[in-house]
Protein backbone atom coordinates (compact mmCIF):
# COMPACT_ATOMS: atom_id res chain seq x y z
CA UNK A 1 8.80 15.98 -41.32
CA UNK A 2 10.16 12.52 -40.57
CA UNK A 3 13.44 14.08 -39.43
CA UNK A 4 11.51 16.37 -37.11
CA UNK A 5 9.58 13.46 -35.62
CA UNK A 6 12.80 11.50 -35.21
CA UNK A 7 14.40 14.47 -33.42
CA UNK A 8 11.49 14.88 -31.01
CA UNK A 9 11.34 11.14 -30.26
CA UNK A 10 15.09 10.97 -29.72
CA UNK A 11 14.91 13.94 -27.37
CA UNK A 12 12.04 12.31 -25.42
CA UNK A 13 13.13 8.65 -25.12
CA UNK A 14 16.40 9.32 -23.32
CA UNK A 15 14.94 11.44 -20.47
CA UNK A 16 11.96 9.09 -20.17
CA UNK A 17 14.10 5.98 -19.65
CA UNK A 18 16.42 7.84 -17.29
CA UNK A 19 13.68 9.40 -15.16
CA UNK A 20 11.68 6.15 -15.06
CA UNK A 21 14.54 4.11 -13.66
CA UNK A 22 15.60 6.89 -11.28
CA UNK A 23 12.07 7.10 -9.88
CA UNK A 24 11.86 3.31 -9.72
CA UNK A 25 15.19 3.13 -7.90
CA UNK A 26 14.13 5.73 -5.32
CA UNK A 27 10.85 3.93 -4.67
CA UNK A 28 12.67 0.60 -4.44
CA UNK A 29 15.08 2.01 -1.85
CA UNK A 30 12.08 3.18 0.15
CA UNK A 31 10.66 -0.35 -0.01
CA UNK A 32 14.02 -1.81 1.01
CA UNK A 33 14.37 0.45 4.05
CA UNK A 34 10.80 -0.32 5.06
CA UNK A 35 11.47 -4.06 5.24
CA UNK A 36 15.17 -3.97 6.10
CA UNK A 37 14.56 -5.46 9.54
CA UNK A 38 12.79 -8.45 7.97
CA UNK A 39 15.66 -9.14 5.55
CA UNK A 40 18.83 -8.62 7.57
CA UNK A 41 20.26 -11.39 9.71
CA UNK A 42 18.24 -14.27 8.29
CA UNK A 43 20.87 -15.83 6.06
CA UNK A 44 18.86 -15.36 2.88
CA UNK A 45 20.49 -16.29 -0.39
CA UNK A 46 21.28 -13.45 -2.77
CA UNK A 47 18.88 -14.76 -5.39
CA UNK A 48 16.01 -14.71 -2.86
CA UNK A 49 16.63 -11.03 -2.11
CA UNK A 50 17.04 -10.33 -5.83
CA UNK A 51 13.77 -12.09 -6.63
CA UNK A 52 11.95 -10.09 -3.96
CA UNK A 53 13.36 -6.79 -5.26
CA UNK A 54 12.41 -7.74 -8.83
CA UNK A 55 8.78 -8.35 -7.86
CA UNK A 56 8.77 -5.20 -5.73
CA UNK A 57 10.05 -3.19 -8.71
CA UNK A 58 7.14 -4.44 -10.81
CA UNK A 59 4.63 -3.39 -8.14
CA UNK A 60 6.15 0.12 -8.01
CA UNK A 61 5.71 0.77 -11.73
CA UNK A 62 2.25 2.41 -11.23
CA UNK A 63 3.98 5.13 -9.19
CA UNK A 64 7.14 5.51 -11.28
CA UNK A 65 5.51 5.55 -14.73
CA UNK A 66 3.28 8.67 -14.34
CA UNK A 67 6.14 10.59 -12.71
CA UNK A 68 8.51 9.61 -15.52
CA UNK A 69 6.03 10.67 -18.20
CA UNK A 70 5.43 14.03 -16.52
CA UNK A 71 9.11 14.81 -15.93
CA UNK A 72 10.39 13.61 -19.31
CA UNK A 73 7.72 15.54 -21.25
CA UNK A 74 8.60 18.75 -19.40
CA UNK A 75 12.32 18.15 -20.00
CA UNK A 76 11.84 17.39 -23.70
CA UNK A 77 9.75 20.44 -24.64
CA UNK A 78 11.66 22.61 -22.20
CA UNK A 79 14.96 21.63 -23.77
CA UNK A 80 13.64 22.38 -27.27
CA UNK A 81 12.38 25.76 -26.06
CA UNK A 82 15.58 26.58 -24.19
CA UNK A 83 17.69 25.92 -27.30
CA UNK A 84 15.31 28.04 -29.44
CA UNK A 85 14.43 24.98 -31.52
CA UNK A 86 10.74 25.52 -30.87
CA UNK A 87 11.05 29.10 -32.11
CA UNK A 88 12.76 27.94 -35.28
CA UNK A 89 10.15 25.28 -35.93
CA UNK A 90 7.27 27.69 -35.34
CA UNK A 91 8.87 30.30 -37.60
CA UNK A 92 8.95 27.61 -40.31
CA UNK A 93 5.18 27.31 -40.03
CA UNK A 94 5.05 24.13 -37.91
CA UNK A 95 2.53 24.33 -35.08
CA UNK A 96 3.18 23.07 -31.56
CA UNK A 97 0.49 20.41 -32.03
CA UNK A 98 2.39 19.07 -35.02
CA UNK A 99 5.64 19.08 -33.06
CA UNK A 100 4.04 17.19 -30.16
CA UNK A 101 2.30 14.63 -32.38
CA UNK A 102 5.05 11.93 -32.08
CA UNK A 103 4.96 12.31 -28.28
CA UNK A 104 1.17 11.96 -28.33
CA UNK A 105 1.50 8.68 -30.25
CA UNK A 106 4.13 7.43 -27.79
CA UNK A 107 1.94 8.46 -24.84
CA UNK A 108 -1.04 6.59 -26.26
CA UNK A 109 1.18 3.54 -26.63
CA UNK A 110 2.30 3.95 -23.00
CA UNK A 111 -1.35 4.24 -21.91
CA UNK A 112 -2.19 0.94 -23.61
CA UNK A 113 0.92 -0.70 -22.18
CA UNK A 114 0.09 0.64 -18.70
CA UNK A 115 -3.41 -0.83 -18.87
CA UNK A 116 -2.08 -4.22 -20.02
CA UNK A 117 0.57 -4.16 -17.29
CA UNK A 118 -1.95 -3.20 -14.62
CA UNK A 119 -4.42 -5.90 -15.62
CA UNK A 120 -2.10 -8.81 -16.45
CA UNK A 121 1.40 -8.31 -15.05
CA UNK A 122 0.76 -6.39 -11.83
CA UNK A 123 -1.56 -9.02 -10.22
CA UNK A 124 1.05 -11.73 -10.81
CA UNK A 125 3.84 -9.53 -9.45
CA UNK A 126 1.75 -8.73 -6.35
CA UNK A 127 1.05 -12.42 -5.84
CA UNK A 128 4.70 -13.42 -6.16
CA UNK A 129 5.94 -10.56 -3.98
CA UNK A 130 3.22 -11.00 -1.35
CA UNK A 131 3.83 -14.72 -0.88
CA UNK A 132 7.63 -14.37 -0.90
CA UNK A 133 7.58 -11.41 1.49
CA UNK A 134 5.32 -13.34 3.87
CA UNK A 135 7.74 -16.29 3.86
CA UNK A 136 10.74 -14.01 4.38
CA UNK A 137 9.08 -12.25 7.32
CA UNK A 138 8.22 -15.60 8.88
CA UNK A 139 11.76 -16.85 8.36
CA UNK A 140 13.85 -17.31 11.49
CA UNK A 141 17.08 -15.36 11.96
CA UNK A 142 20.19 -17.17 10.78
CA UNK A 143 21.82 -19.59 13.21
CA UNK A 144 24.33 -17.60 15.25
CA UNK A 145 25.43 -18.53 18.77
CA UNK A 146 27.07 -15.60 20.58
CA UNK A 147 29.30 -15.67 23.64
CA UNK A 148 27.48 -15.36 26.97
CA UNK A 149 24.01 -15.24 25.32
CA UNK A 150 21.29 -17.84 25.77
CA UNK A 151 20.41 -18.89 22.23
CA UNK A 152 16.79 -20.05 21.73
CA UNK A 153 16.66 -20.36 17.94
CA UNK A 154 16.54 -24.18 17.92
CA UNK A 155 13.19 -25.68 18.87
CA UNK A 156 13.05 -27.16 22.39
CA UNK A 157 16.69 -26.28 23.15
CA UNK A 158 18.49 -23.39 24.84
CA UNK A 159 22.25 -23.18 24.33
CA UNK A 160 24.77 -20.97 26.11
CA UNK A 161 28.45 -20.73 25.20
CA UNK A 162 31.02 -19.05 27.41
CA UNK A 163 33.66 -18.53 24.72
CA UNK A 164 34.14 -19.07 21.00
CA UNK A 165 37.44 -19.43 19.25
CA UNK A 166 38.29 -17.29 16.26
CA UNK A 167 37.28 -19.93 13.71
CA UNK A 168 33.80 -20.16 15.25
CA UNK A 169 33.83 -23.95 15.44
CA UNK A 170 35.40 -24.53 18.87
CA UNK A 171 33.16 -23.68 21.84
CA UNK A 172 34.00 -23.57 25.56
CA UNK A 173 31.92 -23.67 28.76
CA UNK A 174 28.85 -25.08 27.03
CA UNK A 175 25.37 -25.37 28.56
CA UNK A 176 22.49 -27.11 26.78
CA UNK A 177 18.95 -27.10 28.22
CA UNK A 178 16.78 -29.83 26.73
CA UNK A 179 13.03 -28.99 26.76
CA UNK A 180 11.82 -31.77 24.49
CA UNK A 181 9.84 -33.36 27.34
CA UNK A 182 8.03 -30.10 28.07
CA UNK A 183 8.78 -30.29 31.82
CA UNK A 184 10.96 -27.21 32.25
CA UNK A 185 14.68 -27.25 33.03
CA UNK A 186 14.85 -30.90 34.02
CA UNK A 187 17.54 -31.96 31.52
CA UNK A 188 20.83 -30.06 31.46
CA UNK A 189 24.12 -30.85 29.74
CA UNK A 190 27.41 -29.18 30.69
CA UNK A 191 30.69 -29.55 28.81
CA UNK A 192 34.12 -27.97 29.11
CA UNK A 193 34.49 -27.58 25.38
CA UNK A 194 33.22 -28.87 22.08
CA UNK A 195 33.21 -28.48 18.31
CA UNK A 196 30.37 -27.37 16.06
CA UNK A 197 29.77 -28.16 12.39
CA UNK A 198 26.92 -28.66 9.95
CA UNK A 199 26.27 -31.72 7.85
CA UNK A 200 26.98 -31.47 4.13
CA UNK A 201 23.30 -31.08 3.25
CA UNK A 202 22.91 -28.38 5.91
CA UNK A 203 19.94 -30.10 7.54
CA UNK A 204 21.62 -30.87 10.87
CA UNK A 205 24.00 -29.21 13.31
CA UNK A 206 26.38 -31.59 15.06
CA UNK A 207 27.88 -30.64 18.44
CA UNK A 208 30.68 -32.86 19.70
CA UNK A 209 31.04 -32.28 23.45
CA UNK A 210 34.05 -33.21 25.60
CA UNK A 211 34.52 -33.62 29.38
CA UNK A 212 31.03 -32.94 30.54
CA UNK A 213 28.03 -34.12 32.56
CA UNK A 214 24.32 -34.73 32.04
CA UNK A 215 21.89 -33.73 34.80
CA UNK A 216 18.34 -35.06 34.60
CA UNK A 217 15.30 -35.33 36.87
CA UNK A 218 13.60 -38.68 36.28
CA UNK A 219 9.79 -38.64 36.17
CA UNK A 220 8.33 -41.22 38.63
CA UNK A 221 6.09 -43.94 37.25
CA UNK A 222 3.35 -43.05 39.78
CA UNK A 223 1.96 -39.55 39.22
CA UNK A 224 1.04 -39.31 42.92
CA UNK A 225 4.65 -39.74 43.93
CA UNK A 226 6.09 -36.26 44.52
CA UNK A 227 9.69 -37.44 44.89
CA UNK A 228 12.05 -36.91 41.96
CA UNK A 229 15.08 -39.05 41.25
CA UNK A 230 18.14 -37.04 40.24
CA UNK A 231 20.46 -38.63 37.71
CA UNK A 232 23.95 -37.46 36.86
CA UNK A 233 26.21 -39.05 34.27
CA UNK A 234 29.72 -38.15 33.18
CA UNK A 235 31.14 -38.41 29.68
CA UNK A 236 34.40 -37.78 27.93
CA UNK A 237 32.85 -37.38 24.52
CA UNK A 238 29.23 -36.97 23.47
CA UNK A 239 27.63 -36.10 20.14
CA UNK A 240 24.40 -34.09 19.92
CA UNK A 241 22.54 -33.56 16.65
CA UNK A 242 20.06 -30.73 16.12
CA UNK A 243 17.56 -30.40 13.29
CA UNK A 244 18.23 -27.24 11.21
CA UNK A 245 15.42 -27.62 8.68
CA UNK A 246 13.45 -24.83 10.39
CA UNK A 247 16.13 -22.34 9.28
CA UNK A 248 15.53 -23.08 5.61
CA UNK A 249 13.15 -20.78 3.75
CA UNK A 250 9.86 -22.66 3.33
CA UNK A 251 7.58 -21.44 0.56
CA UNK A 252 3.86 -21.07 1.21
CA UNK A 253 1.36 -22.16 -1.40
CA UNK A 254 0.54 -19.13 -3.54
CA UNK A 255 -3.09 -20.21 -3.84
CA UNK A 256 -3.63 -19.04 -0.27
CA UNK A 257 -2.98 -15.44 -1.39
CA UNK A 258 -4.77 -15.53 -4.73
CA UNK A 259 -8.11 -14.17 -3.46
CA UNK A 260 -6.50 -10.90 -2.32
CA UNK A 261 -7.81 -7.90 -4.26
CA UNK A 262 -4.31 -6.81 -5.34
CA UNK A 263 -3.70 -10.13 -7.08
CA UNK A 264 -6.73 -10.22 -9.39
CA UNK A 265 -7.41 -8.96 -12.89
CA UNK A 266 -10.56 -7.14 -14.00
CA UNK A 267 -12.62 -10.25 -14.64
CA UNK A 268 -11.66 -11.80 -11.31
CA UNK A 269 -12.31 -8.55 -9.45
CA UNK A 270 -15.83 -8.37 -10.86
CA UNK A 271 -16.46 -12.00 -9.87
CA UNK A 272 -15.26 -11.55 -6.29
CA UNK A 273 -17.10 -8.25 -5.93
CA UNK A 274 -20.36 -9.82 -7.08
CA UNK A 275 -19.87 -12.83 -4.78
CA UNK A 276 -19.19 -10.66 -1.74
CA UNK A 277 -22.13 -8.39 -2.53
CA UNK A 278 -24.41 -11.43 -2.84
CA UNK A 279 -23.32 -12.74 0.56
CA UNK A 280 -23.75 -9.28 2.10
CA UNK A 281 -27.27 -8.90 0.71
CA UNK A 282 -28.17 -12.37 1.93
CA UNK A 283 -27.01 -11.56 5.46
CA UNK A 284 -28.96 -8.30 5.39
CA UNK A 285 -32.13 -10.06 4.22
CA UNK A 286 -31.75 -12.67 6.96
CA UNK A 287 -31.48 -9.94 9.59
CA UNK A 288 -34.57 -8.13 8.27
CA UNK A 289 -36.50 -11.40 8.20
CA UNK A 290 -35.58 -12.14 11.82
CA UNK A 291 -36.47 -8.56 12.78
CA UNK A 292 -39.93 -8.92 11.24
CA UNK A 293 -40.49 -12.10 13.23
CA UNK A 294 -39.54 -10.35 16.48
CA UNK A 295 -41.62 -7.21 15.93
CA UNK A 296 -45.16 -8.47 16.60
CA UNK A 297 -48.18 -6.19 17.18
CA UNK A 298 -51.96 -6.32 17.67
CA UNK A 299 -54.43 -6.90 14.87
CA UNK A 300 -55.67 -3.34 15.24
CA UNK A 301 -52.26 -2.19 13.96
CA UNK A 302 -52.11 -4.59 11.01
CA UNK A 303 -52.86 -1.74 8.65
CA UNK A 304 -49.42 -0.26 9.46
CA UNK A 305 -47.57 -3.34 8.22
CA UNK A 306 -45.86 -3.12 4.87
CA UNK A 307 -43.86 -5.45 2.71
CA UNK A 308 -40.59 -3.62 3.50
CA UNK A 309 -39.44 -2.39 6.90
CA UNK A 310 -38.44 1.20 7.41
CA UNK A 311 -36.78 2.81 10.37
CA UNK A 312 -40.11 4.04 11.75
CA UNK A 313 -41.63 0.55 11.63
CA UNK A 314 -39.19 -0.75 14.22
CA UNK A 315 -41.38 0.90 16.87
CA UNK A 316 -44.96 -0.37 17.36
CA UNK A 317 -47.38 1.54 19.60
CA UNK A 318 -49.43 -0.89 21.62
CA UNK A 319 -52.28 0.12 23.94
CA UNK A 320 -51.29 -1.68 27.13
CA UNK A 321 -54.57 -0.56 28.72
CA UNK A 322 -56.22 -3.39 26.78
CA UNK A 323 -54.53 -5.79 29.17
CA UNK A 324 -56.84 -6.09 32.18
CA UNK A 325 -54.49 -7.94 34.55
CA UNK A 326 -51.55 -5.99 36.07
CA UNK A 327 -49.50 -9.20 36.06
CA UNK A 328 -50.07 -9.70 32.35
CA UNK A 329 -49.24 -6.04 31.83
CA UNK A 330 -45.91 -6.37 33.65
CA UNK A 331 -45.12 -9.65 31.85
CA UNK A 332 -45.89 -8.13 28.47
CA UNK A 333 -43.76 -5.07 29.25
CA UNK A 334 -40.76 -7.13 30.37
CA UNK A 335 -41.08 -9.42 27.38
CA UNK A 336 -41.21 -6.45 25.01
CA UNK A 337 -38.18 -4.82 26.64
CA UNK A 338 -36.14 -8.02 26.44
CA UNK A 339 -37.17 -8.44 22.85
CA UNK A 340 -36.08 -4.89 22.03
CA UNK A 341 -32.72 -5.33 23.83
CA UNK A 342 -31.96 -8.52 21.91
CA UNK A 343 -32.97 -6.88 18.67
CA UNK A 344 -30.77 -3.87 19.44
CA UNK A 345 -27.75 -6.08 20.11
CA UNK A 346 -28.40 -8.03 16.93
CA UNK A 347 -28.76 -4.81 14.96
CA UNK A 348 -25.49 -3.43 16.33
CA UNK A 349 -23.68 -6.66 15.50
CA UNK A 350 -25.11 -6.71 11.97
CA UNK A 351 -24.27 -3.05 11.50
CA UNK A 352 -20.60 -3.74 12.28
CA UNK A 353 -20.70 -6.83 10.08
CA UNK A 354 -22.15 -4.80 7.19
CA UNK A 355 -19.49 -2.12 7.67
CA UNK A 356 -16.69 -4.69 7.46
CA UNK A 357 -18.26 -6.33 4.41
CA UNK A 358 -18.72 -2.97 2.69
CA UNK A 359 -15.08 -2.08 3.33
CA UNK A 360 -14.02 -5.40 1.84
CA UNK A 361 -16.17 -4.85 -1.25
CA UNK A 362 -14.84 -1.29 -1.54
CA UNK A 363 -11.28 -2.61 -1.77
CA UNK A 364 -12.21 -4.71 -4.80
CA UNK A 365 -13.96 -1.73 -6.39
CA UNK A 366 -10.91 0.45 -5.74
CA UNK A 367 -8.62 -2.05 -7.42
CA UNK A 368 -11.02 -2.36 -10.36
CA UNK A 369 -10.97 1.39 -11.03
CA UNK A 370 -7.22 1.56 -10.43
CA UNK A 371 -6.70 -0.53 -13.57
CA UNK A 372 -8.13 2.35 -15.60
CA UNK A 373 -7.02 5.38 -13.58
CA UNK A 374 -3.34 4.48 -14.04
CA UNK A 375 -3.64 4.70 -17.82
CA UNK A 376 -5.73 7.85 -17.73
CA UNK A 377 -3.34 9.50 -15.27
CA UNK A 378 -0.42 8.88 -17.64
CA UNK A 379 -2.30 10.69 -20.41
CA UNK A 380 -3.33 13.61 -18.17
CA UNK A 381 0.18 14.10 -16.80
CA UNK A 382 1.58 14.09 -20.31
CA UNK A 383 -0.98 16.75 -21.28
CA UNK A 384 0.33 18.79 -18.32
CA UNK A 385 4.03 18.16 -18.87
CA UNK A 386 4.41 18.75 -22.60
CA UNK A 387 2.63 22.15 -22.76
CA UNK A 388 4.26 23.22 -19.50
CA UNK A 389 7.70 22.43 -20.93
CA UNK A 390 6.95 24.53 -24.00
CA UNK A 391 5.85 27.41 -21.75
CA UNK A 392 8.67 27.44 -19.19
CA UNK A 393 11.35 26.70 -21.83
CA UNK A 394 13.74 25.12 -19.36
CA UNK A 395 15.35 21.70 -19.74
CA UNK A 396 17.59 19.60 -17.52
CA UNK A 397 16.91 18.66 -13.90
CA UNK A 398 16.35 22.13 -12.49
CA UNK A 399 12.97 23.77 -12.74
CA UNK A 400 11.34 20.76 -14.51
CA UNK A 401 12.02 18.54 -11.50
CA UNK A 402 10.52 21.07 -9.10
CA UNK A 403 7.39 21.51 -11.20
CA UNK A 404 7.04 17.74 -11.78
CA UNK A 405 7.37 16.90 -8.11
CA UNK A 406 4.81 19.58 -7.25
CA UNK A 407 2.20 18.24 -9.67
CA UNK A 408 2.94 14.62 -8.78
CA UNK A 409 2.62 15.27 -5.04
CA UNK A 410 -0.75 16.90 -5.61
CA UNK A 411 -1.83 13.98 -7.78
CA UNK A 412 -0.62 11.38 -5.28
CA UNK A 413 -2.11 13.08 -2.20
CA UNK A 414 -5.50 13.51 -3.86
CA UNK A 415 -5.38 9.87 -5.02
CA UNK A 416 -4.68 8.59 -1.50
CA UNK A 417 -7.39 10.84 -0.05
CA UNK A 418 -9.97 9.66 -2.58
CA UNK A 419 -9.07 6.03 -1.95
CA UNK A 420 -9.48 6.51 1.80
CA UNK A 421 -12.87 8.16 1.29
CA UNK A 422 -13.98 5.15 -0.77
CA UNK A 423 -12.86 2.69 1.91
CA UNK A 424 -14.75 4.62 4.59
CA UNK A 425 -17.89 4.80 2.45
CA UNK A 426 -17.82 8.60 2.09
CA UNK A 427 -17.59 8.48 -1.71
CA UNK A 428 -18.45 5.98 -4.38
CA UNK A 429 -15.56 4.07 -5.89
CA UNK A 430 -15.65 5.88 -9.23
CA UNK A 431 -15.75 9.25 -7.50
CA UNK A 432 -12.80 8.68 -5.19
CA UNK A 433 -10.55 6.87 -7.68
CA UNK A 434 -11.10 9.33 -10.54
CA UNK A 435 -10.96 12.44 -8.36
CA UNK A 436 -7.23 13.13 -8.82
CA UNK A 437 -7.27 12.69 -12.60
CA UNK A 438 -10.41 14.77 -13.04
CA UNK A 439 -8.91 17.47 -10.81
CA UNK A 440 -5.81 17.76 -13.02
CA UNK A 441 -7.65 17.42 -16.33
CA UNK A 442 -8.84 21.10 -16.46
CA UNK A 443 -5.26 22.19 -15.67
CA UNK A 444 -3.99 20.04 -18.53
CA UNK A 445 -6.53 21.50 -20.96
CA UNK A 446 -5.73 25.05 -19.82
CA UNK A 447 -1.97 24.53 -20.24
CA UNK A 448 -2.47 22.98 -23.67
CA UNK A 449 -4.51 26.00 -24.80
CA UNK A 450 -1.95 28.40 -23.33
CA UNK A 451 0.96 26.59 -25.03
CA UNK A 452 -0.67 26.40 -28.47
CA UNK A 453 -1.47 30.14 -28.33
CA UNK A 454 2.11 31.07 -27.36
CA UNK A 455 1.11 32.26 -23.91
CA UNK A 456 3.68 33.89 -21.65
CA UNK A 457 2.35 32.09 -18.60
CA UNK A 458 5.77 31.37 -17.08
CA UNK A 459 7.65 34.29 -18.63
CA UNK A 460 8.81 36.51 -15.76
CA UNK A 461 9.63 39.40 -18.10
CA UNK A 462 6.00 39.58 -19.17
CA UNK A 463 4.87 39.76 -15.56
CA UNK A 464 7.46 42.46 -14.79
CA UNK A 465 6.34 44.51 -17.80
CA UNK A 466 2.71 44.16 -16.78
CA UNK A 467 3.51 45.29 -13.25
CA UNK A 468 5.44 48.24 -14.66
CA UNK A 469 2.48 49.22 -16.86
CA UNK A 470 0.11 48.95 -13.90
CA UNK A 471 2.40 51.12 -11.79
CA UNK A 472 2.71 53.68 -14.60
CA UNK A 473 -1.07 53.77 -15.01
CA UNK A 474 -1.50 54.21 -11.26
CA UNK A 475 1.01 57.05 -11.12
CA UNK A 476 -0.67 58.75 -14.10
CA UNK A 477 -4.10 58.55 -12.46
CA UNK A 478 -2.70 59.81 -9.18
CA UNK A 479 -0.98 62.72 -10.95
CA UNK A 480 -4.16 63.70 -12.77
CA UNK A 481 -6.11 63.57 -9.52
CA UNK A 482 -3.58 65.79 -7.71
CA UNK A 483 -3.65 68.30 -10.60
CA UNK A 484 -7.44 68.34 -10.50
CA UNK A 485 -7.38 69.01 -6.77
CA UNK A 486 -4.91 71.86 -7.27
CA UNK A 487 -7.09 73.44 -9.99
CA UNK A 488 -10.12 73.19 -7.75
CA UNK A 489 -8.27 74.88 -4.90
CA UNK A 490 -7.13 77.74 -7.18
CA UNK A 491 -10.63 78.38 -8.48
CA UNK A 492 -11.98 78.56 -4.94
């Protein structure tokens, strides 16, 4: 029996590792193409890009792991069935449940590992990737002066170069607009040619200009004086230094991102959810208290007052005929209408505020349930994949890939739909987040029963034979009916 278990595990581990990394690679390429515009042309070091891809790979594990479990389980049992190894084992008196037992143990281990990863590793990976991706997206493009283009990458300066030599260090027909005084184009430098180089530490760019002129409008000492003195100076050689520190990747403090729902574990999610719910309830109670103060009524209607306000209590019927003076009547009516308008505006504002707060709380609830649904989904997809592989009896990357992708697409689409319903307040968090797993659970149980009872669910020959029997039965009934009609006609 140990040899059997070793054979099944050996058959399963190889496809699982292969399919996991293939799925992870495909998802990572999708991430890379999504943010390619934010990465290219910014002069990022290779280790920065590598670090970002490493964190992104960790965040994509919740998508790659269920797909790998589903595909590898179908491939493993399908390969054993295709090579008639399942038939040999069953003929030896070994049940399918006994054959699958090592895979069940491995799947339970993967479920535990997935929960630990989701609760402890994934929040850290999301934090690292989120902060680094934010810094990369805020990073300026790499310093690159092109011929005939006004370059505005350096703060308070605009540089235009007519020509660049092949080595990229010698520039010709140079224009430099200095905007450090914030007065527009009042300081211009022209040079026939110059050289460009960076300091050894890379913090400064040094331009050495030759045969040029400086043009500057001098600000008068008296602000009422509208005349401007124009100053022009010639030079044979001039050195200009520009600060390049803004082109270095500056890292933002990770603590600024730590309160995001994707970067919290279960305990932290519960804490933030409770805090946000407390603030929301406090705001709602304040609004109801202010509404009670605004909704006044006569003593004759005091019996209608209750401790809690309902929707019907926002309207109070007042007998205006009790007011003898028409002026007082008009004043009371206008005051009541203004009061109702203000209350309506306040109610609309609070309604939008409550909607935003509920959406924020829903995100924390979604992430809380996601910690558990990932593990449960791995178990459900294994319960679908292993019996299905034993039924279809096909290994490799043919039919198993098609079936796996079909089930995974259904699982993923239902998961996204349920999550959206939770965010919009249509469903509770536990309903939306567990909807996909609970939808596939009956299918998993049905396939397990069919596989253990040697069902011919995916055997095309069985379907063809059934169709043939149905056709034969139909022809037989039709023949008997025609014969009966003929006998009846003869008798008549």
